[in-house]
Protein backbone atom coordinates (compact mmCIF):
# COMPACT_ATOMS: atom_id res chain seq x y z
CA MET A 1 121.17 104.38 52.18
CA ASN A 2 122.60 106.75 49.37
CA LYS A 3 120.76 109.71 50.85
CA ALA A 4 122.25 112.01 48.47
CA LEU A 5 120.04 110.49 45.75
CA ILE A 6 117.08 111.75 47.06
CA ILE A 7 118.10 115.25 48.40
CA GLY A 8 116.42 118.03 46.42
CA VAL A 9 113.06 116.31 45.63
CA THR A 10 110.53 119.14 45.06
CA VAL A 11 107.57 117.46 43.51
CA LEU A 12 106.30 114.35 45.83
CA SER A 13 103.00 115.78 45.70
CA PHE A 14 100.73 113.32 43.58
CA GLY A 15 98.26 116.31 43.28
CA LEU A 16 95.31 113.49 43.90
CA ALA A 17 93.05 115.68 46.09
CA GLY A 18 91.44 117.59 43.24
CA CYS A 19 89.23 116.85 40.42
CA THR A 20 87.63 114.01 42.21
CA SER A 21 83.65 113.18 42.14
CA ASN A 22 81.67 113.22 45.03
CA SER A 23 80.78 109.82 44.79
CA SER A 24 82.34 107.14 47.29
CA THR A 25 82.19 104.48 44.33
CA SER A 26 85.57 102.25 45.38
CA SER A 27 86.31 98.67 45.67
CA LYS A 28 89.07 96.86 47.54
CA GLY A 29 91.43 94.14 46.69
CA SER A 30 93.19 93.41 43.23
CA SER A 31 91.66 93.68 39.97
CA THR A 32 89.51 91.03 38.55
CA SER A 33 90.89 88.93 35.59
CA SER A 34 88.69 88.90 32.58
CA THR A 35 88.86 87.01 28.91
CA ALA A 36 89.18 89.02 25.89
CA THR A 37 85.50 88.19 24.84
CA THR A 38 83.99 89.72 27.90
CA LYS A 39 84.17 93.45 28.13
CA LEU A 40 85.45 94.92 31.37
CA THR A 41 82.86 96.38 33.81
CA HIS A 42 82.85 99.58 35.49
CA LYS A 43 83.85 97.68 38.80
CA GLN A 44 86.71 95.88 37.27
CA MET A 45 88.04 99.47 35.86
CA VAL A 46 87.72 100.59 39.50
CA ASP A 47 89.39 97.65 41.26
CA ILE A 48 92.44 98.00 38.63
CA TYR A 49 92.71 101.73 39.56
CA ASN A 50 92.34 100.96 43.24
CA SER A 51 94.84 98.09 43.13
CA THR A 52 97.32 99.81 41.48
CA ALA A 53 96.97 103.16 43.69
CA ASN A 54 97.35 100.80 47.01
CA ALA A 55 100.31 98.90 45.47
CA GLU A 56 102.19 102.14 44.96
CA ALA A 57 101.11 103.57 48.35
CA ASP A 58 102.78 100.50 49.89
CA VAL A 59 105.97 101.34 48.13
CA TRP A 60 105.80 105.06 49.47
CA SER A 61 105.31 103.74 52.78
CA LYS A 62 108.00 101.51 52.69
CA LEU A 63 110.42 104.25 51.47
CA THR A 64 109.48 106.31 54.58
CA ASP A 65 110.35 103.42 57.01
CA SER A 66 113.60 102.95 54.93
CA ILE A 67 114.53 106.58 55.41
CA LYS A 68 113.84 106.47 59.17
CA ASN A 69 115.97 103.14 59.34
CA ASN A 70 118.54 104.26 57.23
CA ASP A 71 118.39 101.18 55.25
CA ASN A 72 117.90 100.15 51.46
CA GLU A 73 115.35 97.30 52.35
CA MET A 74 112.81 98.44 49.65
CA SER A 75 112.79 94.95 47.80
CA ASP A 76 109.93 93.04 49.30
CA ALA A 77 107.37 96.08 48.67
CA VAL A 78 108.58 96.58 45.31
CA ASN A 79 108.06 92.96 44.37
CA SER A 80 104.79 92.63 46.00
CA ALA A 81 103.70 95.71 43.84
CA ASP A 82 105.23 94.38 40.69
CA THR A 83 103.07 91.26 40.88
CA VAL A 84 99.84 93.63 41.34
CA LEU A 85 100.87 95.48 38.47
CA THR A 86 101.93 93.22 36.03
CA LYS A 87 98.39 91.40 36.43
CA ASN A 88 96.76 94.47 35.91
CA GLU A 89 98.70 95.27 32.74
CA ALA A 90 98.12 91.67 31.30
CA THR A 91 94.37 92.26 32.15
CA LEU A 92 94.06 95.79 30.41
CA LYS A 93 96.19 94.45 27.29
CA GLN A 94 93.51 92.03 26.56
CA HIS A 95 90.84 94.82 26.34
CA LYS A 96 92.99 97.58 24.69
CA SER A 97 90.25 98.79 22.50
CA GLU A 98 87.72 99.26 25.15
CA ASP A 99 86.90 102.93 26.56
CA GLY A 100 89.36 104.25 29.00
CA VAL A 101 91.45 101.29 28.94
CA SER A 102 94.20 103.13 27.03
CA ASN A 103 94.64 105.96 29.78
CA MET A 104 94.17 102.97 32.61
CA SER A 105 97.05 101.11 30.86
CA LYS A 106 99.13 104.45 30.63
CA LEU A 107 98.66 104.87 34.30
CA VAL A 108 99.47 101.40 35.36
CA GLN A 109 102.84 101.77 33.35
CA TYR A 110 103.61 105.03 34.88
CA SER A 111 103.03 103.65 38.34
CA HIS A 112 105.17 100.59 37.26
CA THR A 113 108.09 102.65 36.17
CA SER A 114 107.90 105.02 38.92
CA ILE A 115 108.16 102.09 41.56
CA ASP A 116 110.90 100.01 39.51
CA ASP A 117 112.89 102.96 38.14
CA TYR A 118 112.71 105.52 40.96
CA ILE A 119 110.83 104.97 44.24
CA GLY A 120 112.47 101.70 44.73
CA GLN A 121 115.91 102.56 43.59
CA LEU A 122 115.75 105.67 46.10
CA LYS A 123 116.29 107.85 42.92
CA LEU A 124 113.59 110.37 42.93
CA ASP A 125 115.32 112.95 40.82
CA LYS A 126 113.83 115.54 38.08
CA LYS A 127 112.96 112.80 35.66
CA GLY A 128 111.07 110.68 38.65
CA ASN A 129 109.39 113.74 39.69
CA SER A 130 108.28 114.58 36.06
CA LEU A 131 106.85 110.94 35.76
CA ILE A 132 105.00 111.57 39.10
CA SER A 133 103.48 114.39 38.15
CA LYS A 134 102.20 112.96 34.88
CA GLU A 135 100.85 110.23 36.63
CA ALA A 136 99.10 112.36 39.10
CA LEU A 137 97.38 114.35 36.04
CA LEU A 138 96.34 111.36 34.35
CA SER A 139 94.93 109.77 37.67
CA GLN A 140 92.71 112.62 37.95
CA LYS A 141 91.31 112.33 34.38
CA ILE A 142 90.56 108.74 34.95
CA ARG A 143 89.04 109.26 38.38
CA LYS A 144 86.60 112.00 36.72
CA GLN A 145 85.79 109.28 33.59
CA PHE A 146 84.87 106.33 36.19
CA ASN A 147 83.63 108.04 39.30
CA ILE A 148 86.30 106.95 41.19
CA SER A 149 86.79 108.38 44.87
CA THR A 150 90.30 109.92 45.87
CA PRO A 151 92.90 107.42 46.71
CA THR A 152 93.34 108.45 50.30
CA LYS A 153 95.97 105.91 50.92
CA LEU A 154 98.51 106.64 48.39
CA ASN A 155 97.96 110.32 49.29
CA THR A 156 98.90 109.91 52.67
CA ALA A 157 101.89 107.80 51.76
CA ILE A 158 103.13 110.37 49.33
CA LYS A 159 102.78 113.15 52.13
CA SER A 160 104.71 110.98 54.82
CA ALA A 161 107.41 110.24 52.45
CA ALA A 162 107.63 113.60 51.31
CA LYS A 163 108.16 114.78 55.07
CA ALA A 164 110.52 112.21 55.81
CA ILE A 165 112.63 113.21 52.64
CA ASN A 166 112.32 116.75 53.42
CA ALA A 167 114.14 115.91 57.03
CA MET A 168 116.89 114.05 55.35
CA PRO A 169 120.42 115.68 55.36
CA GLY A 170 121.11 117.75 52.59
CA VAL A 171 121.09 121.30 51.33
CA SER A 172 117.73 123.18 50.20
CA GLY A 173 118.03 126.85 49.17
CA LYS A 174 120.39 128.30 52.10
CA THR A 175 119.55 125.52 54.72
CA ILE A 176 122.01 122.74 55.70
CA ARG A 177 120.37 119.73 57.25
CA THR A 178 122.77 117.28 58.96
CA THR A 179 121.99 114.16 60.96
CA ASN A 180 121.84 116.33 64.15
CA TYR A 181 121.33 119.78 63.26
CA THR A 182 119.82 122.43 60.72
CA VAL A 183 121.42 125.66 59.78
CA THR A 184 119.85 128.23 57.83
CA ILE A 185 121.44 131.49 56.41
CA THR A 186 119.24 134.31 57.01
CA SER A 187 121.29 137.19 55.71
CA THR A 188 124.92 138.57 55.14
CA GLU A 189 126.84 141.88 55.14
CA THR A 190 130.45 142.88 54.96
CA THR A 191 132.42 145.02 57.07
CA PRO A 192 136.16 146.05 57.46
CA HIS A 193 138.61 143.62 58.69
CA PHE A 194 140.68 144.83 61.65
CA GLU A 195 144.04 144.28 59.69
CA GLY A 196 142.68 145.70 56.38
CA GLY A 197 140.47 143.73 53.72
CA THR A 198 136.97 142.85 54.25
CA ASP A 199 135.14 140.25 56.24
CA LEU A 200 131.45 138.67 55.71
CA ILE A 201 129.17 138.63 58.35
CA VAL A 202 126.93 135.63 58.15
CA TYR A 203 123.49 135.49 59.98
CA TYR A 204 122.11 132.49 60.75
CA THR A 205 119.63 130.06 62.50
CA PHE A 206 121.04 127.01 64.42
CA LYS A 207 118.53 124.34 65.40
CA ASN A 208 119.77 121.12 67.17
CA THR A 209 117.36 118.06 65.86
CA SER A 210 119.44 115.63 67.55
CA LYS A 211 117.70 113.50 70.48
CA ASN A 212 120.34 113.66 73.08
CA LYS A 213 123.37 115.91 72.04
CA ASN A 214 124.38 119.29 73.07
CA ILE A 215 125.80 121.06 70.07
CA GLU A 216 127.85 124.17 69.53
CA PRO A 217 126.89 125.98 66.60
CA THR A 218 130.51 127.43 65.67
CA GLU A 219 132.25 124.16 65.95
CA SER A 220 129.30 122.50 63.83
CA LEU A 221 130.25 125.25 61.24
CA ILE A 222 133.88 124.82 61.33
CA GLU A 223 133.34 120.89 60.87
CA GLY A 224 130.55 120.79 58.44
CA ALA A 225 130.76 123.91 56.42
CA HIS A 226 133.64 124.85 54.19
CA PHE A 227 133.57 128.41 53.12
CA THR A 228 135.68 129.17 49.83
CA GLN A 229 136.03 132.09 47.43
CA GLU A 230 137.26 132.10 43.88
CA SER A 231 139.88 134.73 42.42
CA LYS A 232 140.94 135.22 38.96
CA THR A 233 143.29 132.61 39.30
CA SER A 234 142.32 130.21 42.22
CA ILE A 235 139.92 128.80 44.74
CA ASN A 236 140.62 130.14 48.23
CA ASP A 237 139.85 128.64 51.74
CA LEU A 238 138.33 131.41 53.89
CA ASP A 239 139.46 131.83 57.43
CA LEU A 240 137.58 133.05 60.27
CA GLY A 241 137.05 136.72 60.31
CA ASN A 242 137.81 139.34 62.55
CA PRO A 243 135.85 142.55 62.08
CA SER A 244 137.51 145.85 62.96
CA LYS A 245 133.93 147.07 64.71
CA ASP A 246 131.76 145.55 67.08
CA SER A 247 128.35 145.86 68.46
CA ASP A 248 126.05 144.52 71.22
CA GLU A 249 123.91 142.62 68.70
CA TRP A 250 127.09 140.90 67.30
CA ASP A 251 128.44 139.95 70.88
CA SER A 252 124.98 138.59 71.64
CA LEU A 253 125.00 136.45 68.30
CA GLU A 254 128.41 135.30 68.71
CA LYS A 255 127.96 134.00 72.26
CA ALA A 256 125.05 132.21 71.35
CA ALA A 257 127.04 130.71 68.70
CA SER A 258 129.65 129.47 71.31
CA GLN A 259 127.21 127.94 73.68
CA LYS A 260 125.95 124.64 73.75
CA VAL A 261 122.33 124.55 72.25
CA LYS A 262 119.97 121.46 73.69
CA PRO A 263 118.22 119.08 71.44
CA GLY A 264 114.91 120.80 70.02
CA ALA A 265 116.27 124.33 70.49
CA GLU A 266 116.85 126.81 68.15
CA VAL A 267 119.07 130.00 68.42
CA LYS A 268 120.15 132.93 66.34
CA CYS A 269 123.87 133.39 65.64
CA MET A 270 126.56 135.36 63.73
CA GLY A 271 129.68 134.15 62.21
CA SER A 272 132.59 136.26 60.09
CA TYR A 273 134.91 135.14 57.49
CA GLU A 274 137.56 137.10 55.95
CA LEU A 275 137.15 137.49 52.24
CA ASP A 276 139.90 136.92 49.71
CA ASN A 277 138.26 139.43 47.42
CA THR A 278 134.98 141.39 46.97
CA GLU A 279 134.38 140.64 43.27
CA TYR A 280 133.52 136.72 43.49
CA PRO A 281 130.59 135.11 45.54
CA VAL A 282 131.38 132.86 48.59
CA LYS A 283 130.52 129.18 48.35
CA ILE A 284 129.84 126.75 51.08
CA GLN A 285 130.65 123.08 50.69
CA ALA A 286 128.23 121.34 53.34
CA THR A 287 129.13 118.05 54.83
CA ASP A 288 127.60 115.87 57.53
CA PRO A 289 130.16 115.59 60.45
CA ASP A 290 128.09 112.66 62.04
CA ASN A 291 127.93 110.57 58.99
CA ASN A 292 131.25 110.28 57.76
CA ASP A 293 131.60 113.85 56.20
CA ALA A 294 129.07 112.79 53.40
CA LYS A 295 128.69 115.62 50.94
CA LEU A 296 125.38 117.22 51.32
CA GLY A 297 125.45 120.11 48.67
CA THR A 298 126.86 123.77 47.82
CA ILE A 299 125.22 127.15 48.89
CA THR A 300 126.25 130.10 47.01
CA LEU A 301 126.46 133.59 48.72
CA GLU A 302 126.62 136.51 46.60
CA LEU A 303 128.24 139.34 48.31
CA PRO A 304 126.11 142.28 49.50
CA ASN A 305 125.97 145.19 47.23
CA SER A 306 128.03 143.17 44.42
């Protein structure tokens, strides 16, 4: 799975919990076919809505499974959804002048595009998120018009997918998630280097998210976090720091960073890096040491008091 395509998803909330009627009106199964000479009934419109929501829910559920199994096996779920949505689109096209059909047609189209171009292709970028948001707003409007109950199956599937995506390796804010651990930078400060110049002190939490590996935080940062800093003429790799002063707190945090952390445990740590200058921010290029050094993203650390 090309995990980098999914990292950074921020929407993934279909917003379907609000604006719903208290009615329990619903229907199971696919939409009922109708001829152009017979107006679509309320039940048929509800069928189309529910079958669309359920088809999309199945794809979201498969996305969750795909992430957990680290594969791209989305085709069966997408093909099944395509069959349902294509049928719904054809039915609605025969009744395009009827009340509510225009919005329902647009909803089915949004769902179809989301599945084919984004969810099924593992490309949940800003455009995909925007389309999902539009679908959610239109869904609320349609449910209110036709007194349709909340599509619980779809809501649950999206929440599960969001949880799985948020647990994937990547960079979010000042947090680095790899296959086996998570590092969150909590604060920074500067202090004199013992040979002159300045060190950057980085405070962070380290959580071992692996199932059966004991992991050392300092070693993990060295392997998976590349600290650099620009100057007026170049981009410089930063060496580990060596502050001229010391404290009991630093000793404790450095000791925690140099010891093996058990699976599921989280510790507070500290590291130091020798700055090239005090004018430019520090950038961290994060990679995943346990996944062929896959690129995860970049964190920018503005220097304190800069």
